[in-house]
């Protein structure tokens, strides 16, 4: 019995590794942003959509357009929150108005990630509690919108973008 246990266990482990590698890496390595966009929107399970969204976010600046489309079309709050986080990580100022609108999202997770992205991109420690009552959240969101309105299109924003680009090696 012991003689059969170890080879069977080793065989099961090897098979699991092969299945895992094929499922998550495919036959040719990491999936393209195009494939990840489709999976983030249309995979059969929420877990698979979340995994694709997380992988898409890892592509960074090279996948900005894909992340924007997923953010606009996804019905899963977790997928939307991952796209907000990914776009915030690359300082995607074109998405700032979408992030500000997401402060009113029905999902606490989405609201929290949107607030984090807005704070990061404004370079300000503005208070926003995604679990607060709607009136309190609206007050904090209005302050964030006001800060963005005052910064949008100014030389100060362009200077901030340049400093971020120099510091990170790109945006």
N, C-alpha and C. Protein backbone atom coordinates (compact mmCIF):
# COMPACT_ATOMS: atom_id res chain seq x y z
N UNK A 1 0.83 -1.20 0.00
CA UNK A 1 0.00 0.00 0.00
C UNK A 1 0.86 1.25 0.00
N UNK A 2 1.92 1.28 0.86
CA UNK A 2 2.80 2.45 0.92
C UNK A 2 3.51 2.67 -0.40
N UNK A 3 3.83 1.56 -1.09
CA UNK A 3 4.54 1.68 -2.36
C UNK A 3 3.68 2.39 -3.41
N UNK A 4 2.39 2.25 -3.33
CA UNK A 4 1.49 2.89 -4.28
C UNK A 4 1.12 4.31 -3.88
N UNK A 5 1.19 4.63 -2.60
CA UNK A 5 0.77 5.94 -2.11
C UNK A 5 1.64 7.06 -2.65
N UNK A 6 2.95 6.95 -2.53
CA UNK A 6 3.85 8.03 -2.95
C UNK A 6 3.82 8.28 -4.46
N UNK A 7 3.90 7.24 -5.29
CA UNK A 7 3.79 7.51 -6.73
C UNK A 7 2.43 8.11 -7.12
N UNK A 8 1.37 7.66 -6.46
CA UNK A 8 0.05 8.21 -6.76
C UNK A 8 -0.04 9.67 -6.35
N UNK A 9 0.50 9.98 -5.17
CA UNK A 9 0.51 11.36 -4.69
C UNK A 9 1.35 12.25 -5.60
N UNK A 10 2.53 11.76 -5.98
CA UNK A 10 3.39 12.53 -6.88
C UNK A 10 2.71 12.76 -8.22
N UNK A 11 2.04 11.74 -8.73
CA UNK A 11 1.32 11.87 -9.99
C UNK A 11 0.20 12.88 -9.91
N UNK A 12 -0.52 12.88 -8.80
CA UNK A 12 -1.61 13.84 -8.61
C UNK A 12 -1.08 15.26 -8.54
N UNK A 13 0.06 15.45 -7.89
CA UNK A 13 0.66 16.78 -7.79
C UNK A 13 1.11 17.27 -9.16
N UNK A 14 1.76 16.42 -9.92
CA UNK A 14 2.21 16.80 -11.26
C UNK A 14 1.01 17.15 -12.14
N UNK A 15 -0.03 16.36 -12.07
CA UNK A 15 -1.23 16.64 -12.86
C UNK A 15 -1.86 17.97 -12.45
N UNK A 16 -1.92 18.24 -11.16
CA UNK A 16 -2.48 19.51 -10.68
C UNK A 16 -1.65 20.68 -11.19
N UNK A 17 -0.33 20.55 -11.17
CA UNK A 17 0.54 21.63 -11.66
C UNK A 17 0.35 21.86 -13.16
N UNK A 18 0.19 20.80 -13.90
CA UNK A 18 -0.04 20.93 -15.35
C UNK A 18 -1.36 21.65 -15.61
N UNK A 19 -2.41 21.23 -14.93
CA UNK A 19 -3.72 21.87 -15.11
C UNK A 19 -3.66 23.33 -14.70
N UNK A 20 -3.04 23.62 -13.56
CA UNK A 20 -2.91 25.00 -13.08
C UNK A 20 -2.14 25.84 -14.11
N UNK A 21 -1.02 25.34 -14.57
CA UNK A 21 -0.21 26.08 -15.54
C UNK A 21 -0.96 26.34 -16.83
N UNK A 22 -1.67 25.35 -17.32
CA UNK A 22 -2.42 25.52 -18.56
C UNK A 22 -3.57 26.51 -18.37
N UNK A 23 -4.27 26.39 -17.24
CA UNK A 23 -5.43 27.25 -17.01
C UNK A 23 -5.03 28.70 -16.84
N UNK A 24 -3.97 28.98 -16.10
CA UNK A 24 -3.63 30.36 -15.77
C UNK A 24 -2.56 30.96 -16.67
N UNK A 25 -1.76 30.14 -17.30
CA UNK A 25 -0.73 30.70 -18.18
C UNK A 25 -1.01 30.39 -19.65
N UNK A 26 -1.84 29.43 -19.91
CA UNK A 26 -2.12 29.05 -21.28
C UNK A 26 -0.92 28.35 -21.88
N UNK A 27 -1.00 28.08 -23.15
CA UNK A 27 0.08 27.37 -23.81
C UNK A 27 1.24 28.29 -24.14
N UNK A 28 1.01 29.57 -24.25
CA UNK A 28 2.08 30.46 -24.71
C UNK A 28 2.42 31.54 -23.69
N UNK A 29 2.17 31.33 -22.43
CA UNK A 29 2.55 32.31 -21.42
C UNK A 29 1.41 33.24 -21.06
N UNK A 30 1.75 34.42 -20.58
CA UNK A 30 0.73 35.37 -20.11
C UNK A 30 -0.25 35.74 -21.23
N UNK A 31 -1.49 35.98 -20.84
CA UNK A 31 -2.52 36.35 -21.81
C UNK A 31 -2.37 37.81 -22.21
N UNK A 32 -2.80 38.12 -23.41
CA UNK A 32 -2.72 39.49 -23.94
C UNK A 32 -3.77 40.37 -23.27
N UNK A 33 -3.57 41.70 -23.30
CA UNK A 33 -4.59 42.60 -22.76
C UNK A 33 -5.95 42.41 -23.45
N UNK A 34 -5.94 42.11 -24.74
CA UNK A 34 -7.19 41.90 -25.47
C UNK A 34 -7.94 40.70 -24.91
N UNK A 35 -7.22 39.59 -24.71
CA UNK A 35 -7.84 38.38 -24.17
C UNK A 35 -8.31 38.61 -22.74
N UNK A 36 -7.51 39.31 -21.96
CA UNK A 36 -7.87 39.58 -20.57
C UNK A 36 -9.10 40.48 -20.49
N UNK A 37 -9.19 41.46 -21.39
CA UNK A 37 -10.38 42.33 -21.42
C UNK A 37 -11.63 41.49 -21.65
N UNK A 38 -11.57 40.60 -22.63
CA UNK A 38 -12.73 39.75 -22.92
C UNK A 38 -13.07 38.85 -21.73
N UNK A 39 -12.05 38.27 -21.10
CA UNK A 39 -12.29 37.40 -19.95
C UNK A 39 -12.82 38.18 -18.76
N UNK A 40 -12.32 39.40 -18.55
CA UNK A 40 -12.79 40.21 -17.43
C UNK A 40 -14.27 40.57 -17.59
N UNK A 41 -14.73 40.62 -18.82
CA UNK A 41 -16.13 40.96 -19.08
C UNK A 41 -17.03 39.74 -19.25
N UNK A 42 -16.48 38.65 -19.80
CA UNK A 42 -17.36 37.57 -20.24
C UNK A 42 -17.03 36.18 -19.69
N UNK A 43 -16.02 36.04 -18.85
CA UNK A 43 -15.71 34.71 -18.32
C UNK A 43 -16.92 34.16 -17.58
N UNK A 44 -17.02 32.85 -17.52
CA UNK A 44 -18.23 32.22 -16.98
C UNK A 44 -18.40 32.39 -15.48
N UNK A 45 -17.32 32.58 -14.74
CA UNK A 45 -17.47 32.75 -13.28
C UNK A 45 -16.91 34.10 -12.84
N UNK A 46 -17.43 34.57 -11.73
CA UNK A 46 -16.95 35.83 -11.16
C UNK A 46 -15.47 35.71 -10.81
N UNK A 47 -15.06 34.56 -10.29
CA UNK A 47 -13.65 34.36 -9.94
C UNK A 47 -12.75 34.50 -11.16
N UNK A 48 -13.17 33.93 -12.29
CA UNK A 48 -12.38 34.04 -13.52
C UNK A 48 -12.36 35.47 -14.04
N UNK A 49 -13.48 36.18 -13.91
CA UNK A 49 -13.51 37.59 -14.34
C UNK A 49 -12.58 38.42 -13.46
N UNK A 50 -12.59 38.16 -12.15
CA UNK A 50 -11.71 38.89 -11.22
C UNK A 50 -10.24 38.59 -11.52
N UNK A 51 -9.93 37.33 -11.78
CA UNK A 51 -8.55 36.95 -12.09
C UNK A 51 -8.09 37.66 -13.36
N UNK A 52 -8.93 37.69 -14.38
CA UNK A 52 -8.58 38.37 -15.63
C UNK A 52 -8.40 39.87 -15.38
N UNK A 53 -9.27 40.46 -14.57
CA UNK A 53 -9.16 41.89 -14.27
C UNK A 53 -7.86 42.19 -13.53
N UNK A 54 -7.50 41.35 -12.59
CA UNK A 54 -6.24 41.55 -11.85
C UNK A 54 -5.04 41.43 -12.78
N UNK A 55 -5.07 40.44 -13.67
CA UNK A 55 -3.98 40.28 -14.64
C UNK A 55 -3.92 41.47 -15.59
N UNK A 56 -5.07 41.95 -16.02
CA UNK A 56 -5.12 43.11 -16.91
C UNK A 56 -4.52 44.32 -16.22
N UNK A 57 -4.86 44.51 -14.98
CA UNK A 57 -4.32 45.63 -14.20
C UNK A 57 -2.79 45.56 -14.12
N UNK A 58 -2.26 44.34 -14.06
CA UNK A 58 -0.80 44.17 -14.00
C UNK A 58 -0.09 44.66 -15.26
N UNK A 59 -0.79 44.76 -16.36
CA UNK A 59 -0.19 45.25 -17.60
C UNK A 59 0.11 46.75 -17.53
N UNK A 60 -0.53 47.45 -16.62
CA UNK A 60 -0.25 48.86 -16.42
C UNK A 60 -0.63 49.73 -17.59
N UNK A 61 0.25 50.68 -17.89
CA UNK A 61 -0.02 51.69 -18.92
C UNK A 61 -0.34 51.07 -20.27
N UNK A 62 0.27 49.94 -20.59
CA UNK A 62 0.04 49.29 -21.88
C UNK A 62 -1.40 48.81 -22.06
N UNK A 63 -2.14 48.72 -20.96
CA UNK A 63 -3.51 48.21 -21.03
C UNK A 63 -4.55 49.25 -20.63
N UNK A 64 -4.17 50.53 -20.62
CA UNK A 64 -5.11 51.56 -20.17
C UNK A 64 -6.44 51.54 -20.91
N UNK A 65 -6.40 51.49 -22.23
CA UNK A 65 -7.65 51.51 -23.00
C UNK A 65 -8.51 50.29 -22.67
N UNK A 66 -7.87 49.14 -22.50
CA UNK A 66 -8.60 47.92 -22.15
C UNK A 66 -9.24 48.06 -20.77
N UNK A 67 -8.48 48.60 -19.82
CA UNK A 67 -9.01 48.77 -18.47
C UNK A 67 -10.18 49.75 -18.47
N UNK A 68 -10.08 50.81 -19.26
CA UNK A 68 -11.18 51.79 -19.34
C UNK A 68 -12.45 51.12 -19.85
N UNK A 69 -12.31 50.29 -20.88
CA UNK A 69 -13.49 49.62 -21.44
C UNK A 69 -14.10 48.65 -20.43
N UNK A 70 -13.24 47.91 -19.75
CA UNK A 70 -13.75 46.97 -18.75
C UNK A 70 -14.47 47.73 -17.64
N UNK A 71 -13.87 48.83 -17.18
CA UNK A 71 -14.50 49.64 -16.13
C UNK A 71 -15.88 50.12 -16.58
N UNK A 72 -15.99 50.54 -17.82
CA UNK A 72 -17.26 51.07 -18.33
C UNK A 72 -18.32 49.98 -18.51
N UNK A 73 -17.90 48.75 -18.78
CA UNK A 73 -18.86 47.70 -19.15
C UNK A 73 -19.10 46.64 -18.08
N UNK A 74 -18.21 46.51 -17.12
CA UNK A 74 -18.31 45.40 -16.15
C UNK A 74 -19.50 45.57 -15.22
N UNK A 75 -20.16 44.46 -14.95
CA UNK A 75 -21.27 44.49 -14.00
C UNK A 75 -20.83 44.05 -12.60
N UNK A 76 -19.65 43.49 -12.49
CA UNK A 76 -19.15 43.02 -11.20
C UNK A 76 -18.43 44.15 -10.45
N UNK A 77 -18.86 44.47 -9.24
CA UNK A 77 -18.18 45.51 -8.46
C UNK A 77 -16.70 45.20 -8.23
N UNK A 78 -16.37 43.94 -8.02
CA UNK A 78 -14.96 43.60 -7.78
C UNK A 78 -14.12 43.85 -9.03
N UNK A 79 -14.66 43.56 -10.20
CA UNK A 79 -13.94 43.82 -11.45
C UNK A 79 -13.79 45.33 -11.65
N UNK A 80 -14.87 46.09 -11.43
CA UNK A 80 -14.78 47.55 -11.57
C UNK A 80 -13.75 48.12 -10.60
N UNK A 81 -13.74 47.62 -9.37
CA UNK A 81 -12.80 48.15 -8.38
C UNK A 81 -11.36 47.85 -8.78
N UNK A 82 -11.12 46.68 -9.36
CA UNK A 82 -9.76 46.35 -9.82
C UNK A 82 -9.33 47.25 -10.98
N UNK A 83 -10.27 47.60 -11.85
CA UNK A 83 -9.94 48.50 -12.96
C UNK A 83 -9.66 49.91 -12.45
N UNK A 84 -10.41 50.36 -11.46
CA UNK A 84 -10.14 51.67 -10.87
C UNK A 84 -8.76 51.68 -10.24
N UNK A 85 -8.44 50.62 -9.52
CA UNK A 85 -7.12 50.53 -8.90
C UNK A 85 -6.02 50.53 -9.95
N UNK A 86 -6.20 49.74 -11.01
CA UNK A 86 -5.19 49.67 -12.06
C UNK A 86 -5.00 51.00 -12.78
N UNK A 87 -6.09 51.67 -13.09
CA UNK A 87 -6.00 52.97 -13.76
C UNK A 87 -5.44 54.03 -12.83
N UNK A 88 -5.78 53.96 -11.57
CA UNK A 88 -5.20 54.89 -10.59
C UNK A 88 -3.71 54.69 -10.43
N UNK A 89 -3.27 53.44 -10.51
CA UNK A 89 -1.84 53.14 -10.37
C UNK A 89 -1.01 53.74 -11.49
N UNK A 90 -1.62 53.93 -12.66
CA UNK A 90 -0.89 54.54 -13.78
C UNK A 90 -1.26 56.01 -13.96
N UNK A 91 -1.91 56.58 -12.93
CA UNK A 91 -2.28 58.00 -12.95
C UNK A 91 -3.02 58.37 -14.23
N UNK A 92 -4.08 57.63 -14.52
CA UNK A 92 -4.87 57.87 -15.72
C UNK A 92 -5.84 59.02 -15.47
N UNK A 93 -5.35 60.24 -15.70
CA UNK A 93 -6.17 61.43 -15.44
C UNK A 93 -7.39 61.52 -16.35
N UNK A 94 -7.35 60.85 -17.50
CA UNK A 94 -8.52 60.83 -18.37
C UNK A 94 -9.70 60.13 -17.69
N UNK A 95 -9.43 59.29 -16.72
CA UNK A 95 -10.48 58.56 -16.01
C UNK A 95 -10.92 59.24 -14.71
N UNK A 96 -10.35 60.40 -14.41
CA UNK A 96 -10.66 61.04 -13.13
C UNK A 96 -12.15 61.30 -12.95
N UNK A 97 -12.83 61.77 -13.98
CA UNK A 97 -14.27 62.03 -13.85
C UNK A 97 -15.05 60.74 -13.58
N UNK A 98 -14.59 59.64 -14.16
CA UNK A 98 -15.22 58.34 -13.90
C UNK A 98 -14.99 57.93 -12.44
N UNK A 99 -13.78 58.18 -11.94
CA UNK A 99 -13.47 57.86 -10.53
C UNK A 99 -14.34 58.69 -9.60
N UNK A 100 -14.48 59.97 -9.93
CA UNK A 100 -15.30 60.84 -9.09
C UNK A 100 -16.77 60.39 -9.09
N UNK A 101 -17.26 59.95 -10.23
CA UNK A 101 -18.63 59.43 -10.30
C UNK A 101 -18.74 58.13 -9.49
N UNK A 102 -17.68 57.34 -9.48
CA UNK A 102 -17.69 56.06 -8.75
C UNK A 102 -17.73 56.25 -7.23
N UNK A 103 -17.48 57.47 -6.76
CA UNK A 103 -17.62 57.74 -5.33
C UNK A 103 -19.07 57.55 -4.88
N UNK A 104 -20.00 57.57 -5.83
CA UNK A 104 -21.42 57.38 -5.55
C UNK A 104 -21.91 55.98 -5.90
N UNK A 105 -20.99 55.08 -6.25
CA UNK A 105 -21.36 53.72 -6.66
C UNK A 105 -22.10 53.00 -5.52
N UNK A 106 -22.94 52.06 -5.88
CA UNK A 106 -23.67 51.29 -4.86
C UNK A 106 -22.75 50.37 -4.07
N UNK A 107 -21.59 50.03 -4.64
CA UNK A 107 -20.65 49.13 -3.98
C UNK A 107 -19.65 49.89 -3.10
N UNK A 108 -19.57 49.48 -1.85
CA UNK A 108 -18.60 50.09 -0.94
C UNK A 108 -17.17 49.86 -1.42
N UNK A 109 -16.91 48.68 -1.99
CA UNK A 109 -15.58 48.37 -2.51
C UNK A 109 -15.20 49.33 -3.63
N UNK A 110 -16.11 49.56 -4.56
CA UNK A 110 -15.85 50.48 -5.67
C UNK A 110 -15.63 51.89 -5.14
N UNK A 111 -16.47 52.33 -4.22
CA UNK A 111 -16.32 53.68 -3.64
C UNK A 111 -14.96 53.83 -2.97
N UNK A 112 -14.54 52.83 -2.23
CA UNK A 112 -13.26 52.90 -1.54
C UNK A 112 -12.08 52.97 -2.49
N UNK A 113 -12.11 52.14 -3.54
CA UNK A 113 -11.01 52.16 -4.52
C UNK A 113 -11.01 53.46 -5.30
N UNK A 114 -12.19 53.99 -5.60
CA UNK A 114 -12.27 55.26 -6.31
C UNK A 114 -11.70 56.38 -5.46
N UNK A 115 -12.02 56.40 -4.18
CA UNK A 115 -11.49 57.44 -3.28
C UNK A 115 -9.98 57.34 -3.19
N UNK A 116 -9.45 56.12 -3.11
CA UNK A 116 -8.00 55.94 -3.03
C UNK A 116 -7.32 56.45 -4.30
N UNK A 117 -7.91 56.16 -5.46
CA UNK A 117 -7.33 56.62 -6.72
C UNK A 117 -7.38 58.14 -6.82
N UNK A 118 -8.50 58.74 -6.43
CA UNK A 118 -8.63 60.20 -6.50
C UNK A 118 -7.61 60.86 -5.57
N UNK A 119 -7.51 60.37 -4.35
CA UNK A 119 -6.53 60.95 -3.41
C UNK A 119 -5.12 60.86 -3.96
N UNK A 120 -4.77 59.70 -4.48
CA UNK A 120 -3.43 59.49 -5.03
C UNK A 120 -3.15 60.45 -6.18
N UNK A 121 -4.12 60.57 -7.07
CA UNK A 121 -3.92 61.37 -8.26
C UNK A 121 -3.97 62.87 -7.99
N UNK A 122 -4.68 63.26 -6.94
CA UNK A 122 -4.70 64.67 -6.55
C UNK A 122 -3.51 65.01 -5.66
N UNK A 123 -2.87 63.98 -5.12
CA UNK A 123 -1.75 64.22 -4.22
C UNK A 123 -2.20 64.83 -2.91
N UNK A 124 -3.41 64.51 -2.50
CA UNK A 124 -4.00 65.09 -1.29
C UNK A 124 -4.59 63.99 -0.41
N UNK A 125 -4.48 64.18 0.88
CA UNK A 125 -5.05 63.24 1.85
C UNK A 125 -6.46 63.70 2.22
N UNK A 126 -7.38 63.54 1.30
CA UNK A 126 -8.77 63.96 1.52
C UNK A 126 -9.56 62.83 2.17
N UNK A 127 -10.34 63.17 3.16
CA UNK A 127 -11.13 62.17 3.88
C UNK A 127 -12.31 61.69 3.04
N UNK A 128 -12.51 60.39 3.02
CA UNK A 128 -13.69 59.80 2.39
C UNK A 128 -13.87 58.41 2.99
N UNK A 129 -14.98 58.20 3.65
CA UNK A 129 -15.29 56.90 4.24
C UNK A 129 -16.34 56.22 3.36
N UNK A 130 -15.95 55.18 2.62
CA UNK A 130 -16.89 54.54 1.71
C UNK A 130 -18.07 53.87 2.41
N UNK A 131 -17.96 53.66 3.71
CA UNK A 131 -19.06 53.03 4.45
C UNK A 131 -19.92 54.04 5.21
N UNK A 132 -19.62 55.31 5.06
CA UNK A 132 -20.38 56.35 5.76
C UNK A 132 -21.78 56.50 5.16
N UNK A 133 -22.60 57.23 5.86
CA UNK A 133 -23.96 57.52 5.36
C UNK A 133 -23.86 58.33 4.07
N UNK A 134 -24.84 58.20 3.17
CA UNK A 134 -24.79 58.90 1.88
C UNK A 134 -24.54 60.40 1.98
N UNK A 135 -25.15 61.08 2.92
CA UNK A 135 -24.97 62.53 3.04
C UNK A 135 -23.53 62.88 3.39
N UNK A 136 -22.92 62.09 4.27
CA UNK A 136 -21.53 62.33 4.65
C UNK A 136 -20.59 62.04 3.47
N UNK A 137 -20.88 60.95 2.75
CA UNK A 137 -20.06 60.62 1.58
C UNK A 137 -20.17 61.72 0.53
N UNK A 138 -21.37 62.23 0.30
CA UNK A 138 -21.57 63.26 -0.71
C UNK A 138 -20.79 64.52 -0.38
N UNK A 139 -20.74 64.86 0.88
CA UNK A 139 -19.98 66.04 1.31
C UNK A 139 -18.49 65.86 1.00
N UNK A 140 -17.96 64.69 1.32
CA UNK A 140 -16.54 64.41 1.05
C UNK A 140 -16.28 64.34 -0.45
N UNK A 141 -17.21 63.73 -1.19
CA UNK A 141 -17.06 63.62 -2.64
C UNK A 141 -17.08 65.00 -3.29
N UNK A 142 -17.92 65.87 -2.79
CA UNK A 142 -18.00 67.23 -3.33
C UNK A 142 -16.68 67.96 -3.15
N UNK A 143 -16.03 67.77 -2.02
CA UNK A 143 -14.72 68.38 -1.79
C UNK A 143 -13.69 67.84 -2.79
N UNK A 144 -13.74 66.54 -3.05
CA UNK A 144 -12.82 65.94 -4.04
C UNK A 144 -13.09 66.51 -5.43
N UNK A 145 -14.36 66.65 -5.79
CA UNK A 145 -14.70 67.21 -7.10
C UNK A 145 -14.22 68.66 -7.22
N UNK A 146 -14.37 69.39 -6.15
CA UNK A 146 -13.92 70.79 -6.13
C UNK A 146 -12.39 70.86 -6.30
N UNK A 147 -11.67 69.98 -5.62
CA UNK A 147 -10.20 69.95 -5.76
C UNK A 147 -9.81 69.63 -7.20
N UNK A 148 -10.49 68.66 -7.81
CA UNK A 148 -10.19 68.29 -9.19
C UNK A 148 -10.50 69.44 -10.14
N UNK A 149 -11.63 70.09 -9.94
CA UNK A 149 -12.00 71.21 -10.79
C UNK A 149 -10.95 72.32 -10.72
N UNK A 150 -10.41 72.55 -9.53
CA UNK A 150 -9.39 73.58 -9.37
C UNK A 150 -8.04 73.19 -9.95
N UNK A 151 -7.78 71.90 -10.08
CA UNK A 151 -6.48 71.43 -10.57
C UNK A 151 -6.50 71.11 -12.06
N UNK A 152 -7.65 70.68 -12.56
CA UNK A 152 -7.77 70.23 -13.95
C UNK A 152 -7.36 71.33 -14.92
N UNK A 153 -6.46 70.97 -15.85
CA UNK A 153 -6.05 71.90 -16.89
C UNK A 153 -5.07 72.98 -16.45
N UNK A 154 -4.55 72.89 -15.24
CA UNK A 154 -3.62 73.92 -14.75
C UNK A 154 -2.17 73.50 -14.95
N UNK A 155 -1.26 74.47 -14.96
CA UNK A 155 0.17 74.14 -15.03
C UNK A 155 0.61 73.27 -13.83
N UNK A 156 -0.03 73.45 -12.70
CA UNK A 156 0.31 72.65 -11.53
C UNK A 156 0.06 71.16 -11.80
N UNK A 157 -1.05 70.84 -12.46
CA UNK A 157 -1.33 69.44 -12.79
C UNK A 157 -0.29 68.91 -13.77
N UNK A 158 0.04 69.72 -14.77
CA UNK A 158 1.05 69.28 -15.74
C UNK A 158 2.40 69.05 -15.07
N UNK A 159 2.75 69.90 -14.11
CA UNK A 159 3.99 69.72 -13.35
C UNK A 159 3.93 68.43 -12.53
N UNK A 160 2.79 68.19 -11.90
CA UNK A 160 2.62 66.97 -11.11
C UNK A 160 2.74 65.73 -12.00
N UNK A 161 2.12 65.76 -13.18
CA UNK A 161 2.21 64.64 -14.12
C UNK A 161 3.66 64.40 -14.53
N UNK A 162 4.39 65.47 -14.80
CA UNK A 162 5.79 65.34 -15.20
C UNK A 162 6.63 64.74 -14.07
N UNK A 163 6.39 65.18 -12.84
CA UNK A 163 7.14 64.63 -11.71
C UNK A 163 6.82 63.15 -11.51
N UNK A 164 5.56 62.78 -11.65
CA UNK A 164 5.18 61.37 -11.51
C UNK A 164 5.84 60.55 -12.60
N UNK A 165 5.81 61.07 -13.83
CA UNK A 165 6.41 60.36 -14.96
C UNK A 165 7.91 60.16 -14.75
N UNK A 166 8.58 61.20 -14.29
CA UNK A 166 10.02 61.09 -14.04
C UNK A 166 10.32 60.12 -12.90
N UNK A 167 9.47 60.13 -11.89
CA UNK A 167 9.68 59.27 -10.72
C UNK A 167 9.40 57.80 -11.02
N UNK A 168 8.38 57.54 -11.82
CA UNK A 168 7.98 56.16 -12.08
C UNK A 168 8.54 55.61 -13.39
N UNK A 169 9.14 56.46 -14.20
CA UNK A 169 9.65 56.00 -15.48
C UNK A 169 8.58 55.93 -16.55
N UNK A 170 7.48 56.54 -16.32
CA UNK A 170 6.35 56.56 -17.27
C UNK A 170 5.05 56.63 -16.52
N UNK A 171 3.99 56.89 -17.24
CA UNK A 171 2.66 56.94 -16.61
C UNK A 171 1.74 55.98 -17.24
